[in-house]
Amino acid sequence: MKVSEFLEMKPEELAAKITELKTELFNLRFRLATGQLENTMQIQAVKRDIARALTAQTQANRKQEAR
């Protein structure tokens, strides 16, 4: 996902998406440990999406505090 897509989300949606991404990362790591993961780049992509979502969440929190 792109940063702009995360910035357009409501805070509740963003928190749910972060939880979903963390669950996906856990599952990918589990599949890697068991030797079932074929494309290891998926882990890196999910980590980047988590970072983007957390950054968008921080920006939204700072905007609310500034008001």
Protein backbone atom coordinates (compact mmCIF):
# COMPACT_ATOMS: atom_id res chain seq x y z
CA MET A 1 0.00 0.00 0.00
CA LYS A 2 1.01 3.59 -0.49
CA VAL A 3 1.40 6.12 2.29
CA SER A 4 -1.45 8.21 0.88
CA GLU A 5 -3.80 5.24 1.26
CA PHE A 6 -2.87 4.93 4.94
CA LEU A 7 -3.28 8.68 5.50
CA GLU A 8 -6.83 8.57 4.11
CA MET A 9 -7.92 5.91 6.62
CA LYS A 10 -9.77 6.69 9.82
CA PRO A 11 -7.87 6.01 13.06
CA GLU A 12 -9.93 2.88 13.79
CA GLU A 13 -9.34 1.48 10.30
CA LEU A 14 -5.63 2.24 10.58
CA ALA A 15 -5.33 0.43 13.91
CA ALA A 16 -7.15 -2.58 12.46
CA LYS A 17 -4.89 -2.59 9.39
CA ILE A 18 -1.76 -2.49 11.59
CA THR A 19 -3.04 -5.47 13.58
CA GLU A 20 -3.80 -7.32 10.34
CA LEU A 21 -0.33 -6.63 8.96
CA LYS A 22 1.37 -7.78 12.17
CA THR A 23 -0.63 -11.02 12.04
CA GLU A 24 0.39 -11.50 8.42
CA LEU A 25 4.04 -10.94 9.33
CA PHE A 26 3.78 -13.54 12.09
CA ASN A 27 2.30 -16.05 9.66
CA LEU A 28 4.99 -15.35 7.07
CA ARG A 29 7.74 -15.85 9.66
CA PHE A 30 6.11 -19.09 10.75
CA ARG A 31 5.97 -20.32 7.16
CA LEU A 32 9.63 -19.34 6.70
CA ALA A 33 10.66 -21.32 9.78
CA THR A 34 8.80 -24.39 8.56
CA GLY A 35 10.22 -24.11 5.05
CA GLN A 36 6.89 -23.43 3.35
CA LEU A 37 7.58 -19.85 2.25
CA GLU A 38 8.72 -19.57 -1.35
CA ASN A 39 8.98 -15.79 -1.76
CA THR A 40 10.93 -14.35 1.17
CA MET A 41 10.53 -10.81 -0.17
CA GLN A 42 6.97 -10.87 1.17
CA ILE A 43 8.37 -10.46 4.68
CA GLN A 44 10.21 -7.29 3.71
CA ALA A 45 7.15 -5.88 1.95
CA VAL A 46 4.92 -6.47 4.98
CA LYS A 47 7.50 -4.88 7.30
CA ARG A 48 7.54 -1.80 5.09
CA ASP A 49 3.74 -1.62 5.07
CA ILE A 50 3.73 -1.82 8.89
CA ALA A 51 6.25 1.03 9.06
CA ARG A 52 4.19 3.13 6.65
CA ALA A 53 1.01 2.51 8.65
CA LEU A 54 2.69 3.36 11.95
CA THR A 55 4.09 6.56 10.44
CA ALA A 56 0.64 7.55 9.18
CA GLN A 57 -0.82 6.81 12.63
CA THR A 58 1.82 9.00 14.32
CA GLN A 59 1.15 11.84 11.88
CA ALA A 60 -2.58 11.63 12.53
CA ASN A 61 -2.02 11.69 16.31
CA ARG A 62 0.19 14.76 16.03
CA LYS A 63 -2.43 16.57 13.94
CA GLN A 64 -5.06 15.87 16.61
CA GLU A 65 -2.77 17.11 19.39
CA ALA A 66 -2.02 20.32 17.50
CA ARG A 67 -5.73 21.23 17.38
